[in-house]
PDB file of N, CA and C in Angstrom:
ATOM      1  N   MET A   1       0.709  -1.260  -0.168  1.00  0.00           N
ATOM      2  CA  MET A   1       0.293  -0.036  -0.011  1.00  0.00           C
ATOM      3  C   MET A   1       1.084   1.618   0.165  1.00  0.00           C
ATOM      4  N   LYS A   2       0.703   1.675  -0.726  1.00  0.00           N
ATOM      5  CA  LYS A   2       1.459   3.268  -0.941  1.00  0.00           C
ATOM      6  C   LYS A   2      -0.301   4.782  -0.339  1.00  0.00           C
ATOM      7  N   LEU A   3       0.725   5.460   0.567  1.00  0.00           N
ATOM      8  CA  LEU A   3       0.006   6.232   0.914  1.00  0.00           C
ATOM      9  C   LEU A   3       0.421   7.693  -0.003  1.00  0.00           C
ATOM     10  N   LYS A   4      -1.168   8.812   0.232  1.00  0.00           N
ATOM     11  CA  LYS A   4      -0.607  10.311  -0.492  1.00  0.00           C
ATOM     12  C   LYS A   4       0.957  10.876  -0.712  1.00  0.00           C
ATOM     13  N   PRO A   5       1.703  10.835  -1.165  1.00  0.00           N
ATOM     14  CA  PRO A   5       3.137  11.452  -1.230  1.00  0.00           C
ATOM     15  C   PRO A   5       3.111  12.733  -0.623  1.00  0.00           C
ATOM     16  N   THR A   6       3.150  12.788   0.240  1.00  0.00           N
ATOM     17  CA  THR A   6       4.057  14.143   0.992  1.00  0.00           C
ATOM     18  C   THR A   6       5.050  14.151   1.056  1.00  0.00           C
ATOM     19  N   PHE A   7       5.803  12.693   1.897  1.00  0.00           N
ATOM     20  CA  PHE A   7       6.873  12.294   1.630  1.00  0.00           C
ATOM     21  C   PHE A   7       6.554  10.695   1.047  1.00  0.00           C
ATOM     22  N   GLU A   8       7.483  10.362   0.439  1.00  0.00           N
ATOM     23  CA  GLU A   8       7.123   8.794   0.078  1.00  0.00           C
ATOM     24  C   GLU A   8       7.295   7.846   1.146  1.00  0.00           C
ATOM     25  N   THR A   9       6.216   7.293   1.582  1.00  0.00           N
ATOM     26  CA  THR A   9       5.939   6.437   2.082  1.00  0.00           C
ATOM     27  C   THR A   9       5.421   4.950   2.026  1.00  0.00           C
ATOM     28  N   ASP A  10       5.895   4.057   2.684  1.00  0.00           N
ATOM     29  CA  ASP A  10       6.001   2.638   2.090  1.00  0.00           C
ATOM     30  C   ASP A  10       5.437   1.702   3.456  1.00  0.00           C
ATOM     31  N   VAL A  11       4.073   1.183   3.196  1.00  0.00           N
ATOM     32  CA  VAL A  11       3.416   0.207   4.657  1.00  0.00           C
ATOM     33  C   VAL A  11       3.955  -1.013   3.965  1.00  0.00           C
ATOM     34  N   TYR A  12       4.254  -1.602   4.997  1.00  0.00           N
ATOM     35  CA  TYR A  12       4.713  -3.634   4.999  1.00  0.00           C
ATOM     36  C   TYR A  12       4.438  -4.443   6.352  1.00  0.00           C
ATOM     37  N   ILE A  13       4.481  -5.528   5.797  1.00  0.00           N
ATOM     38  CA  ILE A  13       4.345  -6.296   7.434  1.00  0.00           C
ATOM     39  C   ILE A  13       6.436  -6.928   7.037  1.00  0.00           C
ATOM     40  N   SER A  14       6.896  -7.027   8.159  1.00  0.00           N
ATOM     41  CA  SER A  14       7.848  -7.228   7.760  1.00  0.00           C
ATOM     42  C   SER A  14       8.205  -8.661   8.163  1.00  0.00           C
ATOM     43  N   ASP A  15       9.147  -9.255   7.672  1.00  0.00           N
ATOM     44  CA  ASP A  15       9.527 -10.736   7.664  1.00  0.00           C
ATOM     45  C   ASP A  15       9.610 -11.261   9.151  1.00  0.00           C
ATOM     46  N   GLY A  16       9.786 -10.317   9.905  1.00  0.00           N
ATOM     47  CA  GLY A  16       9.741 -10.683  11.542  1.00  0.00           C
ATOM     48  C   GLY A  16       8.077 -11.069  11.948  1.00  0.00           C
ATOM     49  N   GLY A  17       6.792 -10.046  11.159  1.00  0.00           N
ATOM     50  CA  GLY A  17       5.835 -10.084  11.466  1.00  0.00           C
ATOM     51  C   GLY A  17       5.324  -8.689  12.104  1.00  0.00           C
ATOM     52  N   TYR A  18       6.285  -8.105  12.058  1.00  0.00           N
ATOM     53  CA  TYR A  18       5.612  -6.928  12.857  1.00  0.00           C
ATOM     54  C   TYR A  18       4.899  -5.641  11.279  1.00  0.00           C
ATOM     55  N   PHE A  19       3.880  -4.680  11.588  1.00  0.00           N
ATOM     56  CA  PHE A  19       3.911  -4.122  10.740  1.00  0.00           C
ATOM     57  C   PHE A  19       4.940  -2.666  10.544  1.00  0.00           C
ATOM     58  N   ALA A  20       5.021  -2.378   9.007  1.00  0.00           N
ATOM     59  CA  ALA A  20       5.986  -1.115   9.522  1.00  0.00           C
ATOM     60  C   ALA A  20       5.636  -0.288   8.453  1.00  0.00           C
ATOM     61  N   ILE A  21       5.971   0.918   9.247  1.00  0.00           N
ATOM     62  CA  ILE A  21       5.382   2.454   8.122  1.00  0.00           C
ATOM     63  C   ILE A  21       7.177   3.022   7.966  1.00  0.00           C
ATOM     64  N   ARG A  22       7.614   3.228   6.978  1.00  0.00           N
ATOM     65  CA  ARG A  22       8.502   3.917   6.013  1.00  0.00           C
ATOM     66  C   ARG A  22       8.567   5.086   5.257  1.00  0.00           C
ATOM     67  N   GLN A  23       8.956   6.053   6.184  1.00  0.00           N
ATOM     68  CA  GLN A  23       9.077   7.695   5.333  1.00  0.00           C
ATOM     69  C   GLN A  23      10.057   7.853   4.948  1.00  0.00           C
ATOM     70  N   GLU A  24      10.937   8.799   4.251  1.00  0.00           N
ATOM     71  CA  GLU A  24      11.741   9.882   4.636  1.00  0.00           C
ATOM     72  C   GLU A  24      10.908  11.012   5.052  1.00  0.00           C
ATOM     73  N   ASN A  25      12.219  11.700   5.771  1.00  0.00           N
ATOM     74  CA  ASN A  25      11.347  12.897   6.404  1.00  0.00           C
ATOM     75  C   ASN A  25      12.297  14.222   5.478  1.00  0.00           C
ATOM     76  N   SER A  26      11.368  15.169   6.258  1.00  0.00           N
ATOM     77  CA  SER A  26      12.179  16.052   5.609  1.00  0.00           C
ATOM     78  C   SER A  26      13.882  16.964   5.343  1.00  0.00           C
ATOM     79  N   MET A  27      14.563  16.032   6.221  1.00  0.00           N
ATOM     80  CA  MET A  27      16.001  15.768   6.237  1.00  0.00           C
ATOM     81  C   MET A  27      16.290  15.240   5.220  1.00  0.00           C
ATOM     82  N   GLY A  28      15.576  14.329   4.380  1.00  0.00           N
ATOM     83  CA  GLY A  28      15.636  13.367   3.641  1.00  0.00           C
ATOM     84  C   GLY A  28      16.863  11.958   4.807  1.00  0.00           C
ATOM     85  N   GLU A  29      16.145  11.805   5.760  1.00  0.00           N
ATOM     86  CA  GLU A  29      16.575  10.655   6.196  1.00  0.00           C
ATOM     87  C   GLU A  29      15.516   9.795   6.216  1.00  0.00           C
ATOM     88  N   GLU A  30      15.621   8.708   6.579  1.00  0.00           N
ATOM     89  CA  GLU A  30      14.226   7.386   6.622  1.00  0.00           C
ATOM     90  C   GLU A  30      14.112   6.914   8.175  1.00  0.00           C
ATOM     91  N   ASP A  31      12.928   7.464   8.333  1.00  0.00           N
ATOM     92  CA  ASP A  31      12.335   7.037   9.728  1.00  0.00           C
ATOM     93  C   ASP A  31      11.156   5.520   9.684  1.00  0.00           C
ATOM     94  N   THR A  32      11.258   4.833  10.731  1.00  0.00           N
ATOM     95  CA  THR A  32      10.726   3.913  10.186  1.00  0.00           C
ATOM     96  C   THR A  32       9.633   3.669  11.361  1.00  0.00           C
ATOM     97  N   VAL A  33       8.621   3.474  11.189  1.00  0.00           N
ATOM     98  CA  VAL A  33       7.622   3.122  12.498  1.00  0.00           C
ATOM     99  C   VAL A  33       7.276   1.722  12.802  1.00  0.00           C
ATOM    100  N   ILE A  34       7.582   1.036  13.693  1.00  0.00           N
ATOM    101  CA  ILE A  34       7.311  -0.947  13.786  1.00  0.00           C
ATOM    102  C   ILE A  34       5.950  -1.198  14.737  1.00  0.00           C
ATOM    103  N   LEU A  35       5.518  -2.012  14.213  1.00  0.00           N
ATOM    104  CA  LEU A  35       4.416  -2.201  15.207  1.00  0.00           C
ATOM    105  C   LEU A  35       4.163  -3.769  15.379  1.00  0.00           C
ATOM    106  N   SER A  36       3.709  -4.159  16.998  1.00  0.00           N
ATOM    107  CA  SER A  36       4.246  -5.463  17.011  1.00  0.00           C
ATOM    108  C   SER A  36       2.110  -5.879  16.245  1.00  0.00           C
ATOM    109  N   PRO A  37       2.216  -6.831  16.569  1.00  0.00           N
ATOM    110  CA  PRO A  37       0.298  -7.490  15.584  1.00  0.00           C
ATOM    111  C   PRO A  37      -0.513  -6.642  17.176  1.00  0.00           C
ATOM    112  N   GLU A  38      -0.415  -6.670  18.008  1.00  0.00           N
ATOM    113  CA  GLU A  38      -0.840  -6.192  19.260  1.00  0.00           C
ATOM    114  C   GLU A  38      -1.054  -4.451  19.068  1.00  0.00           C
ATOM    115  N   GLN A  39       0.329  -3.808  18.941  1.00  0.00           N
ATOM    116  CA  GLN A  39       0.202  -2.388  19.040  1.00  0.00           C
ATOM    117  C   GLN A  39      -0.730  -1.919  17.541  1.00  0.00           C
ATOM    118  N   LEU A  40      -0.102  -3.089  16.378  1.00  0.00           N
ATOM    119  CA  LEU A  40      -1.585  -2.812  15.390  1.00  0.00           C
ATOM    120  C   LEU A  40      -2.415  -2.830  15.742  1.00  0.00           C
ATOM    121  N   ARG A  41      -3.398  -3.727  16.488  1.00  0.00           N
ATOM    122  CA  ARG A  41      -4.746  -3.819  16.815  1.00  0.00           C
ATOM    123  C   ARG A  41      -5.224  -2.487  18.076  1.00  0.00           C
ATOM    124  N   ALA A  42      -4.058  -2.559  18.656  1.00  0.00           N
ATOM    125  CA  ALA A  42      -4.658  -0.659  19.485  1.00  0.00           C
ATOM    126  C   ALA A  42      -4.904   0.122  18.882  1.00  0.00           C
ATOM    127  N   VAL A  43      -3.974   0.467  17.784  1.00  0.00           N
ATOM    128  CA  VAL A  43      -3.795   1.879  16.856  1.00  0.00           C
ATOM    129  C   VAL A  43      -5.003   1.506  16.304  1.00  0.00           C
ATOM    130  N   MET A  44      -5.319   0.583  14.962  1.00  0.00           N
ATOM    131  CA  MET A  44      -6.873   0.035  14.351  1.00  0.00           C
ATOM    132  C   MET A  44      -7.644   1.081  15.470  1.00  0.00           C
ATOM    133  N   ALA A  45      -8.253   0.167  16.848  1.00  0.00           N
ATOM    134  CA  ALA A  45      -9.214   0.373  18.041  1.00  0.00           C
ATOM    135  C   ALA A  45      -9.334   1.641  17.539  1.00  0.00           C
ATOM    136  N   TYR A  46      -8.378   2.363  18.173  1.00  0.00           N
ATOM    137  CA  TYR A  46      -8.208   4.147  18.186  1.00  0.00           C
ATOM    138  C   TYR A  46      -8.521   4.638  17.420  1.00  0.00           C
ATOM    139  N   ALA A  47      -8.218   4.250  15.642  1.00  0.00           N
ATOM    140  CA  ALA A  47      -8.752   4.910  15.286  1.00  0.00           C
ATOM    141  C   ALA A  47      -9.668   5.132  14.736  1.00  0.00           C
ATOM    142  N   ARG A  48     -10.477   3.877  14.416  1.00  0.00           N
ATOM    143  CA  ARG A  48     -11.843   3.339  14.535  1.00  0.00           C
ATOM    144  C   ARG A  48     -12.799   4.255  15.225  1.00  0.00           C
ATOM    145  N   VAL A  49     -12.656   4.740  16.473  1.00  0.00           N
ATOM    146  CA  VAL A  49     -13.237   5.231  17.396  1.00  0.00           C
ATOM    147  C   VAL A  49     -13.068   6.406  17.112  1.00  0.00           C
ATOM    148  N   GLN A  50     -11.667   7.038  16.421  1.00  0.00           N
ATOM    149  CA  GLN A  50     -11.604   8.366  16.473  1.00  0.00           C
ATOM    150  C   GLN A  50     -12.479   9.132  15.134  1.00  0.00           C
ATOM    151  N   LEU A  51     -12.377   7.668  13.983  1.00  0.00           N
ATOM    152  CA  LEU A  51     -13.238   8.208  12.626  1.00  0.00           C
ATOM    153  C   LEU A  51     -14.939   8.533  12.854  1.00  0.00           C
ATOM    154  N   ARG A  52     -15.123   7.778  14.132  1.00  0.00           N
ATOM    155  CA  ARG A  52     -16.380   7.598  13.606  1.00  0.00           C
ATOM    156  C   ARG A  52     -16.869   8.446  14.962  1.00  0.00           C
ATOM    157  N   ASP A  53     -16.354   9.230  16.024  1.00  0.00           N
ATOM    158  CA  ASP A  53     -16.704   9.803  16.988  1.00  0.00           C
ATOM    159  C   ASP A  53     -16.292  11.536  16.829  1.00  0.00           C
ATOM    160  N   SER A  54     -14.976  11.945  15.884  1.00  0.00           N
ATOM    161  CA  SER A  54     -14.784  13.208  15.963  1.00  0.00           C
ATOM    162  C   SER A  54     -14.194  13.420  14.118  1.00  0.00           C
ATOM    163  N   ARG A  55     -15.087  13.980  13.933  1.00  0.00           N
ATOM    164  CA  ARG A  55     -14.662  14.380  12.546  1.00  0.00           C
ATOM    165  C   ARG A  55     -14.086  15.713  12.001  1.00  0.00           C
ATOM    166  N   THR A  56     -12.853  15.911  12.856  1.00  0.00           N
ATOM    167  CA  THR A  56     -12.175  16.745  12.785  1.00  0.00           C
ATOM    168  C   THR A  56     -10.791  17.058  13.125  1.00  0.00           C
ATOM    169  N   TRP A  57     -10.814  15.685  13.539  1.00  0.00           N
ATOM    170  CA  TRP A  57      -9.375  15.471  13.994  1.00  0.00           C
ATOM    171  C   TRP A  57      -8.114  14.658  12.194  1.00  0.00           C
ATOM    172  N   TRP A  58      -9.456  14.349  11.575  1.00  0.00           N
ATOM    173  CA  TRP A  58      -8.524  13.849  10.227  1.00  0.00           C
ATOM    174  C   TRP A  58      -8.747  15.107   8.969  1.00  0.00           C
ATOM    175  N   ASN A  59      -9.029  16.758   9.508  1.00  0.00           N
ATOM    176  CA  ASN A  59      -9.663  17.568   8.166  1.00  0.00           C
ATOM    177  C   ASN A  59      -9.059  18.885   8.854  1.00  0.00           C
ATOM    178  N   ALA A  60      -8.955  19.676   8.083  1.00  0.00           N
ATOM    179  CA  ALA A  60      -8.246  20.838   8.230  1.00  0.00           C
ATOM    180  C   ALA A  60      -9.147  21.804   9.722  1.00  0.00           C
ATOM    181  N   GLU A  61     -10.243  21.454   9.554  1.00  0.00           N
ATOM    182  CA  GLU A  61     -11.514  21.958  10.658  1.00  0.00           C
ATOM    183  C   GLU A  61     -10.924  21.974  11.923  1.00  0.00           C
ATOM    184  N   GLU A  62     -11.020  23.317  12.703  1.00  0.00           N
ATOM    185  CA  GLU A  62     -10.718  23.337  14.186  1.00  0.00           C
ATOM    186  C   GLU A  62     -11.807  22.940  14.958  1.00  0.00           C
ATOM    187  N   ALA A  63     -11.933  22.374  16.441  1.00  0.00           N
ATOM    188  CA  ALA A  63     -13.304  21.757  16.555  1.00  0.00           C
ATOM    189  C   ALA A  63     -13.986  22.989  17.407  1.00  0.00           C
ATOM    190  N   ASP A  64     -15.237  23.516  17.295  1.00  0.00           N
ATOM    191  CA  ASP A  64     -15.707  24.471  18.295  1.00  0.00           C
ATOM    192  C   ASP A  64     -15.496  24.298  19.822  1.00  0.00           C
TER     193      ASP A  64
END
């Protein structure tokens, strides 16, 4: 899966079974976030709640 490029981003499952997000930062250095399956489940659950309950965190609008 490729996300919209602000900076090129790769998302993949590592050989060890971890979910990885790799992106080049504004300094040209590579950053990687590695999540275990349990961490990924927690992030996904949190994101689902945020997408359902909060309509402002993922767009440019400020909450009133």
